[in-house]
Amino acid sequence: MAQPVQVENEDERLVALQALETYRALQHAVKTAPHGKGLATVEAVVRDKGFDQLQKAYEAALREHPEAQKKGAAAGDVPAGRTPRTVASRPSTC
């Protein structure tokens, strides 16, 4: 059974509507994709609508918190020039 969605402001309402629109576009793509082209068709919808939806949500979040855009020092040290050790880079024990 469908539950009503509580939104706290206009930005949340727009994000929710965009998510629903994207989901419906994905459903339509799956139903109408040519045989053997389902994945490519759905991926095209994700590229066209999904990334746009994420960008709009990102912009809405930044509008609500303008301090996030202020420049300043990084919150912590950022290691540079170090190469992480992986299984392939470890010395052989054989």
C-alpha atoms as a PDB file:
ATOM      1  CA  MET A   1       0.000   0.000   0.000  1.00  0.00           C
ATOM      2  CA  ALA A   2       1.344   3.432  -0.896  1.00  0.00           C
ATOM      3  CA  GLN A   3       2.296   5.695   2.006  1.00  0.00           C
ATOM      4  CA  PRO A   4       2.042   9.478   1.837  1.00  0.00           C
ATOM      5  CA  VAL A   5       5.391  11.247   1.725  1.00  0.00           C
ATOM      6  CA  GLN A   6       6.084  14.047   4.197  1.00  0.00           C
ATOM      7  CA  VAL A   7       8.173  16.849   2.756  1.00  0.00           C
ATOM      8  CA  GLU A   8       9.543  19.680   4.844  1.00  0.00           C
ATOM      9  CA  ASN A   9       9.927  22.349   2.175  1.00  0.00           C
ATOM     10  CA  GLU A  10       9.562  23.193  -1.499  1.00  0.00           C
ATOM     11  CA  ASP A  11      13.016  21.860  -2.415  1.00  0.00           C
ATOM     12  CA  GLU A  12      12.181  18.453  -0.925  1.00  0.00           C
ATOM     13  CA  ARG A  13       8.888  18.424  -2.821  1.00  0.00           C
ATOM     14  CA  LEU A  14      10.687  19.122  -6.105  1.00  0.00           C
ATOM     15  CA  VAL A  15      13.331  16.445  -5.435  1.00  0.00           C
ATOM     16  CA  ALA A  16      10.615  13.894  -4.625  1.00  0.00           C
ATOM     17  CA  LEU A  17       8.697  14.736  -7.799  1.00  0.00           C
ATOM     18  CA  GLN A  18      11.852  14.516  -9.900  1.00  0.00           C
ATOM     19  CA  ALA A  19      12.694  11.118  -8.391  1.00  0.00           C
ATOM     20  CA  LEU A  20       9.209   9.875  -9.203  1.00  0.00           C
ATOM     21  CA  GLU A  21       9.477  11.205 -12.755  1.00  0.00           C
ATOM     22  CA  THR A  22      12.837   9.459 -13.212  1.00  0.00           C
ATOM     23  CA  TYR A  23      11.478   6.192 -11.834  1.00  0.00           C
ATOM     24  CA  ARG A  24       8.485   6.326 -14.168  1.00  0.00           C
ATOM     25  CA  ALA A  25      10.784   7.045 -17.118  1.00  0.00           C
ATOM     26  CA  LEU A  26      12.835   3.974 -16.156  1.00  0.00           C
ATOM     27  CA  GLN A  27       9.701   1.827 -15.975  1.00  0.00           C
ATOM     28  CA  HIS A  28       8.608   3.065 -19.394  1.00  0.00           C
ATOM     29  CA  ALA A  29      12.068   2.394 -20.846  1.00  0.00           C
ATOM     30  CA  VAL A  30      12.046  -1.182 -19.559  1.00  0.00           C
ATOM     31  CA  LYS A  31       8.579  -1.836 -20.990  1.00  0.00           C
ATOM     32  CA  THR A  32       9.274  -0.315 -24.405  1.00  0.00           C
ATOM     33  CA  ALA A  33      12.930  -1.255 -24.988  1.00  0.00           C
ATOM     34  CA  PRO A  34      13.613  -3.273 -28.122  1.00  0.00           C
ATOM     35  CA  HIS A  35      14.514  -6.919 -27.551  1.00  0.00           C
ATOM     36  CA  GLY A  36      18.137  -7.184 -26.473  1.00  0.00           C
ATOM     37  CA  LYS A  37      18.433  -3.441 -25.837  1.00  0.00           C
ATOM     38  CA  GLY A  38      16.880  -3.213 -22.354  1.00  0.00           C
ATOM     39  CA  LEU A  39      20.049  -2.438 -20.413  1.00  0.00           C
ATOM     40  CA  ALA A  40      21.279   0.136 -22.934  1.00  0.00           C
ATOM     41  CA  THR A  41      17.856   1.806 -22.986  1.00  0.00           C
ATOM     42  CA  VAL A  42      17.636   2.001 -19.200  1.00  0.00           C
ATOM     43  CA  GLU A  43      21.224   3.271 -18.927  1.00  0.00           C
ATOM     44  CA  ALA A  44      20.351   6.047 -21.386  1.00  0.00           C
ATOM     45  CA  VAL A  45      17.458   7.118 -19.148  1.00  0.00           C
ATOM     46  CA  VAL A  46      19.773   7.138 -16.120  1.00  0.00           C
ATOM     47  CA  ARG A  47      22.243   9.337 -18.008  1.00  0.00           C
ATOM     48  CA  ASP A  48      19.531  11.673 -19.296  1.00  0.00           C
ATOM     49  CA  LYS A  49      17.269  11.949 -16.258  1.00  0.00           C
ATOM     50  CA  GLY A  50      19.147  10.472 -13.311  1.00  0.00           C
ATOM     51  CA  PHE A  51      22.194  12.706 -13.488  1.00  0.00           C
ATOM     52  CA  ASP A  52      19.987  15.741 -14.029  1.00  0.00           C
ATOM     53  CA  GLN A  53      17.941  14.784 -10.970  1.00  0.00           C
ATOM     54  CA  LEU A  54      21.081  14.379  -8.846  1.00  0.00           C
ATOM     55  CA  GLN A  55      22.410  17.737 -10.003  1.00  0.00           C
ATOM     56  CA  LYS A  56      19.151  19.466  -9.057  1.00  0.00           C
ATOM     57  CA  ALA A  57      19.172  17.784  -5.626  1.00  0.00           C
ATOM     58  CA  TYR A  58      22.800  18.865  -5.139  1.00  0.00           C
ATOM     59  CA  GLU A  59      21.937  22.450  -6.083  1.00  0.00           C
ATOM     60  CA  ALA A  60      18.938  22.445  -3.717  1.00  0.00           C
ATOM     61  CA  ALA A  61      21.120  21.195  -0.841  1.00  0.00           C
ATOM     62  CA  LEU A  62      23.687  23.919  -1.504  1.00  0.00           C
ATOM     63  CA  ARG A  63      20.969  26.577  -1.605  1.00  0.00           C
ATOM     64  CA  GLU A  64      19.827  25.481   1.851  1.00  0.00           C
ATOM     65  CA  HIS A  65      23.393  25.571   3.218  1.00  0.00           C
ATOM     66  CA  PRO A  66      25.299  28.408   1.534  1.00  0.00           C
ATOM     67  CA  GLU A  67      28.137  28.059   4.058  1.00  0.00           C
ATOM     68  CA  ALA A  68      29.081  24.803   2.311  1.00  0.00           C
ATOM     69  CA  GLN A  69      30.271  26.877  -0.636  1.00  0.00           C
ATOM     70  CA  LYS A  70      32.635  29.070   1.368  1.00  0.00           C
ATOM     71  CA  LYS A  71      36.302  28.632   0.638  1.00  0.00           C
ATOM     72  CA  GLY A  72      38.722  27.714   3.357  1.00  0.00           C
ATOM     73  CA  ALA A  73      41.250  25.189   4.516  1.00  0.00           C
ATOM     74  CA  ALA A  74      40.500  21.506   4.224  1.00  0.00           C
ATOM     75  CA  ALA A  75      38.979  19.907   7.318  1.00  0.00           C
ATOM     76  CA  GLY A  76      41.948  17.567   7.706  1.00  0.00           C
ATOM     77  CA  ASP A  77      45.251  16.531   6.238  1.00  0.00           C
ATOM     78  CA  VAL A  78      45.102  15.126   2.738  1.00  0.00           C
ATOM     79  CA  PRO A  79      47.928  12.684   1.993  1.00  0.00           C
ATOM     80  CA  ALA A  80      49.517  13.317  -1.390  1.00  0.00           C
ATOM     81  CA  GLY A  81      51.986  11.303  -3.404  1.00  0.00           C
ATOM     82  CA  ARG A  82      51.470   8.088  -1.477  1.00  0.00           C
ATOM     83  CA  THR A  83      50.685   4.919  -3.354  1.00  0.00           C
ATOM     84  CA  PRO A  84      48.383   2.530  -1.477  1.00  0.00           C
ATOM     85  CA  ARG A  85      49.721  -0.947  -1.016  1.00  0.00           C
ATOM     86  CA  THR A  86      47.711  -3.578  -2.790  1.00  0.00           C
ATOM     87  CA  VAL A  87      48.001  -7.328  -2.996  1.00  0.00           C
ATOM     88  CA  ALA A  88      49.832  -6.942  -6.299  1.00  0.00           C
ATOM     89  CA  SER A  89      52.419  -4.540  -4.834  1.00  0.00           C
ATOM     90  CA  ARG A  90      53.307  -6.642  -1.796  1.00  0.00           C
ATOM     91  CA  PRO A  91      56.582  -8.577  -1.873  1.00  0.00           C
ATOM     92  CA  SER A  92      56.189 -12.215  -2.715  1.00  0.00           C
ATOM     93  CA  THR A  93      56.369 -14.597   0.249  1.00  0.00           C
ATOM     94  CA  CYS A  94      56.934 -17.705  -1.893  1.00  0.00           C
END
